[in-house]
Structures are given as C-alpha cells and as structure tokens.
C-alpha cells in the first residue's frame, strides 16, 4: 500500500452548487512523519475509502490500491455547465431559472456547430 491509512471522524458534509459534495474529516493528533505524509497529498486527486469498522481487512486495502486514481475532477461538459452557471449568476439575461438559461445557451452552441457541418 502506497497510501496513508488514518482513523478519521467526519465532522461536516455539505452539498455544493455544482452538485459535488464537500466532506470534512478530522484526525487524531498525528506524528510529524504522518502529518508530513498527509500534507504531501495536498492538491492531489486521492482515493478515499470510508468504513465505519474499527478494522480494515487486507482484501479491502488491496481493492483500494487497484483503483485508478487518474480521474479528472470535472468532465468537459461539467466545466461548460459550471461556466454557464457563473455567467447566469452575473447576467441572467432575463432568465429566472438556470435550467432555462442553460438550455437557451447550449441550443445556440449546438446550432452554431451544426451550421459548420456540410
């Protein structure tokens, strides 16, 4: 196992505007070396295995180690939606609901791309 196994307590869970979830974990006091290992993960995509059990089996650890950690945080379509959401927040252009704004803007993009087809 190349990761870091720590006992944690979930102290906060909240949903974000883009549909993702923020989870706050707290650890017990860490040794300087464990704290250093934890800080080395800052800003990196990591895999998290949550278990209410006191003991994690070797089989479970092996499963975690086989997960491909090369996932992007957002797909291209999610990024477009997020940018359109921010634009709607700044200038709603008469649309009260974001869904209506999103449909209008994406339809314009689709029609523009279709006009480029032979």
PDB file of N, CA and C in Angstrom:
ATOM      1  N   UNK A   1       0.844  -1.188   0.000  1.00  0.00           N
ATOM      2  CA  UNK A   1       0.000   0.000   0.000  1.00  0.00           C
ATOM      3  C   UNK A   1       0.882   1.241   0.000  1.00  0.00           C
ATOM      4  N   UNK A   2       0.627   2.154  -0.934  1.00  0.00           N
ATOM      5  CA  UNK A   2       1.416   3.378  -1.037  1.00  0.00           C
ATOM      6  C   UNK A   2       0.722   4.569  -0.405  1.00  0.00           C
ATOM      7  N   UNK A   3      -0.452   4.347   0.119  1.00  0.00           N
ATOM      8  CA  UNK A   3      -1.244   5.435   0.668  1.00  0.00           C
ATOM      9  C   UNK A   3      -1.000   5.630   2.142  1.00  0.00           C
ATOM     10  N   UNK A   4      -1.910   6.331   2.765  1.00  0.00           N
ATOM     11  CA  UNK A   4      -1.833   6.669   4.168  1.00  0.00           C
ATOM     12  C   UNK A   4      -3.142   6.250   4.809  1.00  0.00           C
ATOM     13  N   UNK A   5      -3.088   5.412   5.800  1.00  0.00           N
ATOM     14  CA  UNK A   5      -4.274   4.929   6.491  1.00  0.00           C
ATOM     15  C   UNK A   5      -4.395   5.648   7.820  1.00  0.00           C
ATOM     16  N   UNK A   6      -5.479   6.397   7.988  1.00  0.00           N
ATOM     17  CA  UNK A   6      -5.682   7.183   9.202  1.00  0.00           C
ATOM     18  C   UNK A   6      -7.084   6.968   9.754  1.00  0.00           C
ATOM     19  N   UNK A   7      -7.229   6.860  11.058  1.00  0.00           N
ATOM     20  CA  UNK A   7      -8.578   6.891  11.619  1.00  0.00           C
ATOM     21  C   UNK A   7      -9.083   8.333  11.585  1.00  0.00           C
ATOM     22  N   UNK A   8     -10.289   8.530  11.108  1.00  0.00           N
ATOM     23  CA  UNK A   8     -10.833   9.883  10.978  1.00  0.00           C
ATOM     24  C   UNK A   8     -12.266   9.935  11.483  1.00  0.00           C
ATOM     25  N   UNK A   9     -12.724  11.154  11.711  1.00  0.00           N
ATOM     26  CA  UNK A   9     -14.112  11.412  12.074  1.00  0.00           C
ATOM     27  C   UNK A   9     -14.652  12.395  11.042  1.00  0.00           C
ATOM     28  N   UNK A  10     -15.811  12.078  10.462  1.00  0.00           N
ATOM     29  CA  UNK A  10     -16.452  13.021   9.542  1.00  0.00           C
ATOM     30  C   UNK A  10     -17.148  14.069  10.386  1.00  0.00           C
ATOM     31  N   UNK A  11     -16.706  15.315  10.239  1.00  0.00           N
ATOM     32  CA  UNK A  11     -17.272  16.391  11.058  1.00  0.00           C
ATOM     33  C   UNK A  11     -18.230  17.289  10.292  1.00  0.00           C
ATOM     34  N   UNK A  12     -18.200  17.190   8.959  1.00  0.00           N
ATOM     35  CA  UNK A  12     -19.086  18.046   8.185  1.00  0.00           C
ATOM     36  C   UNK A  12     -19.285  17.449   6.795  1.00  0.00           C
ATOM     37  N   UNK A  13     -20.526  17.485   6.327  1.00  0.00           N
ATOM     38  CA  UNK A  13     -20.857  17.098   4.952  1.00  0.00           C
ATOM     39  C   UNK A  13     -21.798  18.161   4.427  1.00  0.00           C
ATOM     40  N   UNK A  14     -21.480  18.689   3.239  1.00  0.00           N
ATOM     41  CA  UNK A  14     -22.375  19.677   2.632  1.00  0.00           C
ATOM     42  C   UNK A  14     -22.349  19.542   1.124  1.00  0.00           C
ATOM     43  N   UNK A  15     -23.478  19.834   0.515  1.00  0.00           N
ATOM     44  CA  UNK A  15     -23.547  19.790  -0.941  1.00  0.00           C
ATOM     45  C   UNK A  15     -23.179  21.163  -1.492  1.00  0.00           C
ATOM     46  N   UNK A  16     -22.538  21.159  -2.648  1.00  0.00           N
ATOM     47  CA  UNK A  16     -22.104  22.390  -3.291  1.00  0.00           C
ATOM     48  C   UNK A  16     -22.994  22.700  -4.487  1.00  0.00           C
ATOM     49  N   UNK A  17     -22.917  23.925  -4.981  1.00  0.00           N
ATOM     50  CA  UNK A  17     -23.776  24.373  -6.077  1.00  0.00           C
ATOM     51  C   UNK A  17     -23.649  23.523  -7.325  1.00  0.00           C
ATOM     52  N   UNK A  18     -22.437  23.020  -7.585  1.00  0.00           N
ATOM     53  CA  UNK A  18     -22.221  22.255  -8.819  1.00  0.00           C
ATOM     54  C   UNK A  18     -22.605  20.785  -8.684  1.00  0.00           C
ATOM     55  N   UNK A  19     -23.194  20.401  -7.546  1.00  0.00           N
ATOM     56  CA  UNK A  19     -23.634  19.030  -7.348  1.00  0.00           C
ATOM     57  C   UNK A  19     -22.612  18.150  -6.650  1.00  0.00           C
ATOM     58  N   UNK A  20     -21.402  18.649  -6.465  1.00  0.00           N
ATOM     59  CA  UNK A  20     -20.403  17.870  -5.744  1.00  0.00           C
ATOM     60  C   UNK A  20     -20.665  17.964  -4.242  1.00  0.00           C
ATOM     61  N   UNK A  21     -19.908  17.229  -3.467  1.00  0.00           N
ATOM     62  CA  UNK A  21     -20.098  17.188  -2.023  1.00  0.00           C
ATOM     63  C   UNK A  21     -18.771  17.496  -1.349  1.00  0.00           C
ATOM     64  N   UNK A  22     -18.803  18.333  -0.323  1.00  0.00           N
ATOM     65  CA  UNK A  22     -17.626  18.632   0.474  1.00  0.00           C
ATOM     66  C   UNK A  22     -17.718  17.832   1.772  1.00  0.00           C
ATOM     67  N   UNK A  23     -16.659  17.090   2.064  1.00  0.00           N
ATOM     68  CA  UNK A  23     -16.603  16.284   3.282  1.00  0.00           C
ATOM     69  C   UNK A  23     -15.406  16.752   4.096  1.00  0.00           C
ATOM     70  N   UNK A  24     -15.628  17.092   5.355  1.00  0.00           N
ATOM     71  CA  UNK A  24     -14.544  17.488   6.238  1.00  0.00           C
ATOM     72  C   UNK A  24     -14.236  16.332   7.181  1.00  0.00           C
ATOM     73  N   UNK A  25     -12.969  15.914   7.170  1.00  0.00           N
ATOM     74  CA  UNK A  25     -12.506  14.836   8.033  1.00  0.00           C
ATOM     75  C   UNK A  25     -11.542  15.407   9.059  1.00  0.00           C
ATOM     76  N   UNK A  26     -11.581  14.882  10.266  1.00  0.00           N
ATOM     77  CA  UNK A  26     -10.604  15.259  11.283  1.00  0.00           C
ATOM     78  C   UNK A  26      -9.915  14.005  11.783  1.00  0.00           C
ATOM     79  N   UNK A  27      -8.631  14.138  12.054  1.00  0.00           N
ATOM     80  CA  UNK A  27      -7.848  13.018  12.570  1.00  0.00           C
ATOM     81  C   UNK A  27      -7.548  13.261  14.041  1.00  0.00           C
ATOM     82  N   UNK A  28      -7.039  12.242  14.674  1.00  0.00           N
ATOM     83  CA  UNK A  28      -6.461  12.430  15.998  1.00  0.00           C
ATOM     84  C   UNK A  28      -5.121  13.124  15.789  1.00  0.00           C
ATOM     85  N   UNK A  29      -4.452  13.470  16.859  1.00  0.00           N
ATOM     86  CA  UNK A  29      -3.140  14.108  16.726  1.00  0.00           C
ATOM     87  C   UNK A  29      -2.205  13.179  15.960  1.00  0.00           C
ATOM     88  N   UNK A  30      -1.477  13.747  14.998  1.00  0.00           N
ATOM     89  CA  UNK A  30      -0.584  12.956  14.148  1.00  0.00           C
ATOM     90  C   UNK A  30       0.868  13.174  14.526  1.00  0.00           C
ATOM     91  N   UNK A  31       1.664  12.138  14.303  1.00  0.00           N
ATOM     92  CA  UNK A  31       3.104  12.297  14.464  1.00  0.00           C
ATOM     93  C   UNK A  31       3.599  13.214  13.347  1.00  0.00           C
ATOM     94  N   UNK A  32       4.747  13.834  13.519  1.00  0.00           N
ATOM     95  CA  UNK A  32       5.265  14.699  12.448  1.00  0.00           C
ATOM     96  C   UNK A  32       5.417  13.969  11.116  1.00  0.00           C
ATOM     97  N   UNK A  33       5.834  12.701  11.130  1.00  0.00           N
ATOM     98  CA  UNK A  33       6.016  11.988   9.870  1.00  0.00           C
ATOM     99  C   UNK A  33       4.660  11.706   9.205  1.00  0.00           C
ATOM    100  N   UNK A  34       3.641  11.325   9.987  1.00  0.00           N
ATOM    101  CA  UNK A  34       2.297  11.092   9.420  1.00  0.00           C
ATOM    102  C   UNK A  34       1.717  12.401   8.901  1.00  0.00           C
ATOM    103  N   UNK A  35       1.901  13.486   9.634  1.00  0.00           N
ATOM    104  CA  UNK A  35       1.410  14.792   9.186  1.00  0.00           C
ATOM    105  C   UNK A  35       2.089  15.186   7.880  1.00  0.00           C
ATOM    106  N   UNK A  36       3.384  14.917   7.774  1.00  0.00           N
ATOM    107  CA  UNK A  36       4.111  15.212   6.540  1.00  0.00           C
ATOM    108  C   UNK A  36       3.579  14.414   5.369  1.00  0.00           C
ATOM    109  N   UNK A  37       3.293  13.131   5.611  1.00  0.00           N
ATOM    110  CA  UNK A  37       2.705  12.299   4.554  1.00  0.00           C
ATOM    111  C   UNK A  37       1.362  12.868   4.120  1.00  0.00           C
ATOM    112  N   UNK A  38       0.549  13.254   5.092  1.00  0.00           N
ATOM    113  CA  UNK A  38      -0.777  13.801   4.780  1.00  0.00           C
ATOM    114  C   UNK A  38      -0.654  15.089   3.967  1.00  0.00           C
ATOM    115  N   UNK A  39       0.245  15.980   4.379  1.00  0.00           N
ATOM    116  CA  UNK A  39       0.428  17.232   3.646  1.00  0.00           C
ATOM    117  C   UNK A  39       0.952  17.002   2.231  1.00  0.00           C
ATOM    118  N   UNK A  40       1.631  15.890   1.991  1.00  0.00           N
ATOM    119  CA  UNK A  40       2.137  15.611   0.650  1.00  0.00           C
ATOM    120  C   UNK A  40       1.000  15.331  -0.334  1.00  0.00           C
ATOM    121  N   UNK A  41      -0.199  15.024   0.176  1.00  0.00           N
ATOM    122  CA  UNK A  41      -1.352  14.770  -0.686  1.00  0.00           C
ATOM    123  C   UNK A  41      -2.126  16.050  -1.043  1.00  0.00           C
ATOM    124  N   UNK A  42      -1.758  17.170  -0.439  1.00  0.00           N
ATOM    125  CA  UNK A  42      -2.490  18.423  -0.680  1.00  0.00           C
ATOM    126  C   UNK A  42      -2.500  18.776  -2.159  1.00  0.00           C
ATOM    127  N   UNK A  43      -3.677  19.061  -2.684  1.00  0.00           N
ATOM    128  CA  UNK A  43      -3.825  19.470  -4.075  1.00  0.00           C
ATOM    129  C   UNK A  43      -3.806  18.329  -5.071  1.00  0.00           C
ATOM    130  N   UNK A  44      -3.740  17.088  -4.592  1.00  0.00           N
ATOM    131  CA  UNK A  44      -3.693  15.931  -5.487  1.00  0.00           C
ATOM    132  C   UNK A  44      -5.013  15.179  -5.433  1.00  0.00           C
ATOM    133  N   UNK A  45      -5.343  14.535  -6.544  1.00  0.00           N
ATOM    134  CA  UNK A  45      -6.513  13.664  -6.555  1.00  0.00           C
ATOM    135  C   UNK A  45      -6.154  12.422  -5.754  1.00  0.00           C
ATOM    136  N   UNK A  46      -6.948  12.101  -4.768  1.00  0.00           N
ATOM    137  CA  UNK A  46      -6.711  10.921  -3.940  1.00  0.00           C
ATOM    138  C   UNK A  46      -7.967  10.061  -3.922  1.00  0.00           C
ATOM    139  N   UNK A  47      -7.816   8.834  -3.550  1.00  0.00           N
ATOM    140  CA  UNK A  47      -8.945   7.939  -3.372  1.00  0.00           C
ATOM    141  C   UNK A  47      -9.194   7.794  -1.878  1.00  0.00           C
ATOM    142  N   UNK A  48     -10.462   7.778  -1.507  1.00  0.00           N
ATOM    143  CA  UNK A  48     -10.815   7.673  -0.099  1.00  0.00           C
ATOM    144  C   UNK A  48     -11.732   6.479   0.091  1.00  0.00           C
ATOM    145  N   UNK A  49     -11.405   5.665   1.061  1.00  0.00           N
ATOM    146  CA  UNK A  49     -12.244   4.524   1.415  1.00  0.00           C
ATOM    147  C   UNK A  49     -12.773   4.803   2.807  1.00  0.00           C
ATOM    148  N   UNK A  50     -14.085   4.884   2.948  1.00  0.00           N
ATOM    149  CA  UNK A  50     -14.693   5.150   4.244  1.00  0.00           C
ATOM    150  C   UNK A  50     -15.315   3.876   4.777  1.00  0.00           C
ATOM    151  N   UNK A  51     -15.079   3.597   6.033  1.00  0.00           N
ATOM    152  CA  UNK A  51     -15.624   2.406   6.651  1.00  0.00           C
ATOM    153  C   UNK A  51     -15.932   2.711   8.110  1.00  0.00           C
ATOM    154  N   UNK A  52     -17.125   2.331   8.585  1.00  0.00           N
ATOM    155  CA  UNK A  52     -17.433   2.562   9.999  1.00  0.00           C
ATOM    156  C   UNK A  52     -16.783   1.522  10.904  1.00  0.00           C
ATOM    157  N   UNK A  53     -16.098   0.572  10.315  1.00  0.00           N
ATOM    158  CA  UNK A  53     -15.492  -0.506  11.085  1.00  0.00           C
ATOM    159  C   UNK A  53     -14.218  -0.035  11.773  1.00  0.00           C
ATOM    160  N   UNK A  54     -13.843  -0.759  12.815  1.00  0.00           N
ATOM    161  CA  UNK A  54     -12.592  -0.469  13.505  1.00  0.00           C
ATOM    162  C   UNK A  54     -11.395  -1.041  12.774  1.00  0.00           C
ATOM    163  N   UNK A  55     -11.626  -2.069  11.957  1.00  0.00           N
ATOM    164  CA  UNK A  55     -10.529  -2.750  11.282  1.00  0.00           C
ATOM    165  C   UNK A  55     -10.836  -2.850   9.792  1.00  0.00           C
ATOM    166  N   UNK A  56      -9.868  -2.517   8.971  1.00  0.00           N
ATOM    167  CA  UNK A  56      -9.984  -2.681   7.531  1.00  0.00           C
ATOM    168  C   UNK A  56      -9.154  -3.901   7.158  1.00  0.00           C
ATOM    169  N   UNK A  57      -9.743  -4.811   6.405  1.00  0.00           N
ATOM    170  CA  UNK A  57      -9.042  -6.047   6.049  1.00  0.00           C
ATOM    171  C   UNK A  57      -8.028  -5.793   4.931  1.00  0.00           C
ATOM    172  N   UNK A  58      -7.107  -6.706   4.772  1.00  0.00           N
ATOM    173  CA  UNK A  58      -6.111  -6.607   3.698  1.00  0.00           C
ATOM    174  C   UNK A  58      -6.797  -6.648   2.334  1.00  0.00           C
ATOM    175  N   UNK A  59      -7.863  -7.423   2.215  1.00  0.00           N
ATOM    176  CA  UNK A  59      -8.607  -7.503   0.955  1.00  0.00           C
ATOM    177  C   UNK A  59      -9.155  -6.126   0.578  1.00  0.00           C
ATOM    178  N   UNK A  60      -9.678  -5.404   1.569  1.00  0.00           N
ATOM    179  CA  UNK A  60     -10.205  -4.061   1.304  1.00  0.00           C
ATOM    180  C   UNK A  60      -9.083  -3.103   0.913  1.00  0.00           C
ATOM    181  N   UNK A  61      -7.952  -3.193   1.590  1.00  0.00           N
ATOM    182  CA  UNK A  61      -6.805  -2.347   1.230  1.00  0.00           C
ATOM    183  C   UNK A  61      -6.334  -2.639  -0.186  1.00  0.00           C
ATOM    184  N   UNK A  62      -6.300  -3.923  -0.549  1.00  0.00           N
ATOM    185  CA  UNK A  62      -5.892  -4.303  -1.900  1.00  0.00           C
ATOM    186  C   UNK A  62      -6.844  -3.738  -2.936  1.00  0.00           C
ATOM    187  N   UNK A  63      -8.151  -3.724  -2.638  1.00  0.00           N
ATOM    188  CA  UNK A  63      -9.133  -3.161  -3.559  1.00  0.00           C
ATOM    189  C   UNK A  63      -8.882  -1.676  -3.766  1.00  0.00           C
ATOM    190  N   UNK A  64      -8.604  -0.958  -2.698  1.00  0.00           N
ATOM    191  CA  UNK A  64      -8.341   0.479  -2.796  1.00  0.00           C
ATOM    192  C   UNK A  64      -7.115   0.718  -3.667  1.00  0.00           C
ATOM    193  N   UNK A  65      -6.083  -0.099  -3.500  1.00  0.00           N
ATOM    194  CA  UNK A  65      -4.849   0.081  -4.278  1.00  0.00           C
ATOM    195  C   UNK A  65      -5.036  -0.194  -5.763  1.00  0.00           C
ATOM    196  N   UNK A  66      -6.085  -0.909  -6.159  1.00  0.00           N
ATOM    197  CA  UNK A  66      -6.299  -1.196  -7.579  1.00  0.00           C
ATOM    198  C   UNK A  66      -7.112  -0.122  -8.285  1.00  0.00           C
ATOM    199  N   UNK A  67      -7.663   0.840  -7.557  1.00  0.00           N
ATOM    200  CA  UNK A  67      -8.467   1.901  -8.159  1.00  0.00           C
ATOM    201  C   UNK A  67      -7.552   2.833  -8.943  1.00  0.00           C
ATOM    202  N   UNK A  68      -7.969   3.181 -10.162  1.00  0.00           N
ATOM    203  CA  UNK A  68      -7.208   4.108 -10.990  1.00  0.00           C
ATOM    204  C   UNK A  68      -7.437   5.523 -10.472  1.00  0.00           C
ATOM    205  N   UNK A  69      -6.398   6.141  -9.966  1.00  0.00           N
ATOM    206  CA  UNK A  69      -6.510   7.475  -9.391  1.00  0.00           C
ATOM    207  C   UNK A  69      -6.387   8.594 -10.389  1.00  0.00           C
ATOM    208  N   UNK A  70      -6.296   8.293 -11.660  1.00  0.00           N
ATOM    209  CA  UNK A  70      -6.125   9.320 -12.681  1.00  0.00           C
ATOM    210  C   UNK A  70      -7.465   9.847 -13.177  1.00  0.00           C
ATOM    211  N   UNK A  71      -8.323  10.240 -12.262  1.00  0.00           N
ATOM    212  CA  UNK A  71      -9.618  10.794 -12.651  1.00  0.00           C
ATOM    213  C   UNK A  71      -9.531  12.310 -12.664  1.00  0.00           C
ATOM    214  N   UNK A  72     -10.228  12.922 -13.577  1.00  0.00           N
ATOM    215  CA  UNK A  72     -10.302  14.365 -13.621  1.00  0.00           C
ATOM    216  C   UNK A  72     -11.354  14.809 -12.608  1.00  0.00           C
ATOM    217  N   UNK A  73     -11.212  16.018 -12.128  1.00  0.00           N
ATOM    218  CA  UNK A  73     -12.193  16.490 -11.174  1.00  0.00           C
ATOM    219  C   UNK A  73     -13.526  16.794 -11.857  1.00  0.00           C
ATOM    220  N   UNK A  74     -13.479  17.319 -13.080  1.00  0.00           N
ATOM    221  CA  UNK A  74     -14.711  17.606 -13.818  1.00  0.00           C
ATOM    222  C   UNK A  74     -14.520  17.230 -15.281  1.00  0.00           C
ATOM    223  N   UNK A  75     -15.591  16.721 -15.883  1.00  0.00           N
ATOM    224  CA  UNK A  75     -15.565  16.453 -17.319  1.00  0.00           C
ATOM    225  C   UNK A  75     -15.682  17.783 -18.060  1.00  0.00           C
ATOM    226  N   UNK A  76     -15.439  17.744 -19.344  1.00  0.00           N
ATOM    227  CA  UNK A  76     -15.567  18.957 -20.148  1.00  0.00           C
ATOM    228  C   UNK A  76     -16.993  19.512 -20.085  1.00  0.00           C
ATOM    229  N   UNK A  77     -17.984  18.631 -20.169  1.00  0.00           N
ATOM    230  CA  UNK A  77     -19.372  19.110 -20.128  1.00  0.00           C
ATOM    231  C   UNK A  77     -19.707  19.704 -18.754  1.00  0.00           C
ATOM    232  N   UNK A  78     -19.140  19.142 -17.694  1.00  0.00           N
ATOM    233  CA  UNK A  78     -19.361  19.705 -16.366  1.00  0.00           C
ATOM    234  C   UNK A  78     -18.715  21.084 -16.249  1.00  0.00           C
ATOM    235  N   UNK A  79     -17.553  21.242 -16.876  1.00  0.00           N
ATOM    236  CA  UNK A  79     -16.888  22.542 -16.859  1.00  0.00           C
ATOM    237  C   UNK A  79     -17.707  23.585 -17.610  1.00  0.00           C
ATOM    238  N   UNK A  80     -18.251  23.214 -18.777  1.00  0.00           N
ATOM    239  CA  UNK A  80     -19.089  24.139 -19.541  1.00  0.00           C
ATOM    240  C   UNK A  80     -20.300  24.550 -18.711  1.00  0.00           C
ATOM    241  N   UNK A  81     -20.954  23.572 -18.097  1.00  0.00           N
ATOM    242  CA  UNK A  81     -22.134  23.861 -17.273  1.00  0.00           C
ATOM    243  C   UNK A  81     -21.772  24.807 -16.125  1.00  0.00           C
ATOM    244  N   UNK A  82     -20.629  24.578 -15.486  1.00  0.00           N
ATOM    245  CA  UNK A  82     -20.210  25.428 -14.373  1.00  0.00           C
ATOM    246  C   UNK A  82     -19.954  26.863 -14.833  1.00  0.00           C
ATOM    247  N   UNK A  83     -19.321  27.018 -15.999  1.00  0.00           N
ATOM    248  CA  UNK A  83     -19.067  28.355 -16.526  1.00  0.00           C
ATOM    249  C   UNK A  83     -20.377  29.044 -16.886  1.00  0.00           C
ATOM    250  N   UNK A  84     -21.290  28.320 -17.523  1.00  0.00           N
ATOM    251  CA  UNK A  84     -22.595  28.906 -17.844  1.00  0.00           C
ATOM    252  C   UNK A  84     -23.349  29.306 -16.576  1.00  0.00           C
ATOM    253  N   UNK A  85     -23.209  28.510 -15.524  1.00  0.00           N
ATOM    254  CA  UNK A  85     -23.854  28.849 -14.257  1.00  0.00           C
ATOM    255  C   UNK A  85     -23.320  30.178 -13.720  1.00  0.00           C
ATOM    256  N   UNK A  86     -21.998  30.341 -13.766  1.00  0.00           N
ATOM    257  CA  UNK A  86     -21.403  31.594 -13.292  1.00  0.00           C
ATOM    258  C   UNK A  86     -21.847  32.781 -14.145  1.00  0.00           C
ATOM    259  N   UNK A  87     -21.912  32.562 -15.460  1.00  0.00           N
ATOM    260  CA  UNK A  87     -22.393  33.637 -16.342  1.00  0.00           C
ATOM    261  C   UNK A  87     -23.839  34.011 -16.006  1.00  0.00           C
ATOM    262  N   UNK A  88     -24.671  33.013 -15.747  1.00  0.00           N
ATOM    263  CA  UNK A  88     -26.063  33.250 -15.376  1.00  0.00           C
ATOM    264  C   UNK A  88     -26.151  34.039 -14.068  1.00  0.00           C
ATOM    265  N   UNK A  89     -25.261  33.734 -13.134  1.00  0.00           N
ATOM    266  CA  UNK A  89     -25.254  34.463 -11.867  1.00  0.00           C
ATOM    267  C   UNK A  89     -24.902  35.936 -12.079  1.00  0.00           C
ATOM    268  N   UNK A  90     -23.981  36.200 -13.005  1.00  0.00           N
ATOM    269  CA  UNK A  90     -23.550  37.572 -13.270  1.00  0.00           C
ATOM    270  C   UNK A  90     -24.563  38.343 -14.106  1.00  0.00           C
ATOM    271  N   UNK A  91     -25.096  37.690 -15.134  1.00  0.00           N
ATOM    272  CA  UNK A  91     -26.034  38.343 -16.054  1.00  0.00           C
ATOM    273  C   UNK A  91     -27.067  37.324 -16.510  1.00  0.00           C
ATOM    274  N   UNK A  92     -28.221  37.251 -15.844  1.00  0.00           N
ATOM    275  CA  UNK A  92     -29.212  36.223 -16.165  1.00  0.00           C
ATOM    276  C   UNK A  92     -29.927  36.416 -17.505  1.00  0.00           C
ATOM    277  N   UNK A  93     -29.762  37.573 -18.143  1.00  0.00           N
ATOM    278  CA  UNK A  93     -30.358  37.843 -19.455  1.00  0.00           C
ATOM    279  C   UNK A  93     -31.862  37.555 -19.487  1.00  0.00           C
ATOM    280  N   UNK A  94     -32.545  37.864 -18.403  1.00  0.00           N
ATOM    281  CA  UNK A  94     -33.995  37.693 -18.351  1.00  0.00           C
ATOM    282  C   UNK A  94     -34.462  36.307 -17.930  1.00  0.00           C
ATOM    283  N   UNK A  95     -33.560  35.372 -17.750  1.00  0.00           N
ATOM    284  CA  UNK A  95     -33.921  34.015 -17.336  1.00  0.00           C
ATOM    285  C   UNK A  95     -33.917  33.935 -15.805  1.00  0.00           C
ATOM    286  N   UNK A  96     -35.048  33.567 -15.230  1.00  0.00           N
ATOM    287  CA  UNK A  96     -35.119  33.416 -13.772  1.00  0.00           C
ATOM    288  C   UNK A  96     -34.494  32.108 -13.331  1.00  0.00           C
ATOM    289  N   UNK A  97     -34.698  31.057 -14.108  1.00  0.00           N
ATOM    290  CA  UNK A  97     -34.187  29.733 -13.766  1.00  0.00           C
ATOM    291  C   UNK A  97     -32.939  29.426 -14.577  1.00  0.00           C
ATOM    292  N   UNK A  98     -31.935  28.858 -13.910  1.00  0.00           N
ATOM    293  CA  UNK A  98     -30.702  28.500 -14.601  1.00  0.00           C
ATOM    294  C   UNK A  98     -30.962  27.460 -15.691  1.00  0.00           C
ATOM    295  N   UNK A  99     -31.879  26.527 -15.454  1.00  0.00           N
ATOM    296  CA  UNK A  99     -32.157  25.474 -16.441  1.00  0.00           C
ATOM    297  C   UNK A  99     -32.589  26.082 -17.773  1.00  0.00           C
ATOM    298  N   UNK A 100     -33.410  27.113 -17.723  1.00  0.00           N
ATOM    299  CA  UNK A 100     -33.853  27.772 -18.953  1.00  0.00           C
ATOM    300  C   UNK A 100     -32.684  28.490 -19.644  1.00  0.00           C
ATOM    301  N   UNK A 101     -31.867  29.157 -18.846  1.00  0.00           N
ATOM    302  CA  UNK A 101     -30.684  29.836 -19.377  1.00  0.00           C
ATOM    303  C   UNK A 101     -29.745  28.815 -20.034  1.00  0.00           C
ATOM    304  N   UNK A 102     -29.502  27.708 -19.326  1.00  0.00           N
ATOM    305  CA  UNK A 102     -28.608  26.652 -19.815  1.00  0.00           C
ATOM    306  C   UNK A 102     -29.120  26.086 -21.141  1.00  0.00           C
ATOM    307  N   UNK A 103     -30.416  25.781 -21.202  1.00  0.00           N
ATOM    308  CA  UNK A 103     -30.995  25.241 -22.440  1.00  0.00           C
ATOM    309  C   UNK A 103     -30.863  26.223 -23.593  1.00  0.00           C
ATOM    310  N   UNK A 104     -31.107  27.492 -23.337  1.00  0.00           N
ATOM    311  CA  UNK A 104     -31.000  28.503 -24.384  1.00  0.00           C
ATOM    312  C   UNK A 104     -29.564  28.617 -24.896  1.00  0.00           C
ATOM    313  N   UNK A 105     -28.617  28.703 -23.987  1.00  0.00           N
ATOM    314  CA  UNK A 105     -27.216  28.867 -24.388  1.00  0.00           C
ATOM    315  C   UNK A 105     -26.678  27.625 -25.099  1.00  0.00           C
ATOM    316  N   UNK A 106     -26.983  26.443 -24.586  1.00  0.00           N
ATOM    317  CA  UNK A 106     -26.474  25.229 -25.234  1.00  0.00           C
ATOM    318  C   UNK A 106     -27.133  25.014 -26.592  1.00  0.00           C
ATOM    319  N   UNK A 107     -28.374  25.403 -26.725  1.00  0.00           N
ATOM    320  CA  UNK A 107     -29.042  25.295 -28.027  1.00  0.00           C
ATOM    321  C   UNK A 107     -28.352  26.195 -29.050  1.00  0.00           C
ATOM    322  N   UNK A 108     -27.958  27.395 -28.635  1.00  0.00           N
ATOM    323  CA  UNK A 108     -27.229  28.297 -29.534  1.00  0.00           C
ATOM    324  C   UNK A 108     -25.885  27.690 -29.934  1.00  0.00           C
ATOM    325  N   UNK A 109     -25.194  27.066 -28.981  1.00  0.00           N
ATOM    326  CA  UNK A 109     -23.912  26.427 -29.289  1.00  0.00           C
ATOM    327  C   UNK A 109     -24.122  25.279 -30.273  1.00  0.00           C
ATOM    328  N   UNK A 110     -25.142  24.476 -30.036  1.00  0.00           N
ATOM    329  CA  UNK A 110     -25.449  23.336 -30.913  1.00  0.00           C
ATOM    330  C   UNK A 110     -25.758  23.834 -32.323  1.00  0.00           C
ATOM    331  N   UNK A 111     -26.599  24.848 -32.450  1.00  0.00           N
ATOM    332  CA  UNK A 111     -26.960  25.374 -33.771  1.00  0.00           C
ATOM    333  C   UNK A 111     -25.726  25.951 -34.474  1.00  0.00           C
ATOM    334  N   UNK A 112     -24.861  26.619 -33.724  1.00  0.00           N
ATOM    335  CA  UNK A 112     -23.631  27.158 -34.324  1.00  0.00           C
ATOM    336  C   UNK A 112     -22.774  26.012 -34.883  1.00  0.00           C
ATOM    337  N   UNK A 113     -22.608  24.955 -34.112  1.00  0.00           N
ATOM    338  CA  UNK A 113     -21.796  23.825 -34.567  1.00  0.00           C
ATOM    339  C   UNK A 113     -22.436  23.113 -35.741  1.00  0.00           C
ATOM    340  N   UNK A 114     -23.755  22.978 -35.710  1.00  0.00           N
ATOM    341  CA  UNK A 114     -24.456  22.335 -36.824  1.00  0.00           C
ATOM    342  C   UNK A 114     -24.297  23.131 -38.103  1.00  0.00           C
ATOM    343  N   UNK A 115     -24.227  24.462 -37.995  1.00  0.00           N
ATOM    344  CA  UNK A 115     -24.065  25.284 -39.202  1.00  0.00           C
ATOM    345  C   UNK A 115     -22.709  25.074 -39.867  1.00  0.00           C
ATOM    346  N   UNK A 116     -21.755  24.508 -39.140  1.00  0.00           N
ATOM    347  CA  UNK A 116     -20.430  24.236 -39.677  1.00  0.00           C
ATOM    348  C   UNK A 116     -20.382  22.915 -40.437  1.00  0.00           C
ATOM    349  N   UNK A 117     -21.420  22.099 -40.281  1.00  0.00           N
ATOM    350  CA  UNK A 117     -21.457  20.796 -40.956  1.00  0.00           C
ATOM    351  C   UNK A 117     -21.799  20.970 -42.440  1.00  0.00           C
ATOM    352  N   UNK A 118     -21.270  20.085 -43.306  1.00  0.00           N
ATOM    353  CA  UNK A 118     -21.563  20.198 -44.742  1.00  0.00           C
ATOM    354  C   UNK A 118     -23.009  19.835 -45.042  1.00  0.00           C
TER     355      UNK A 118
END
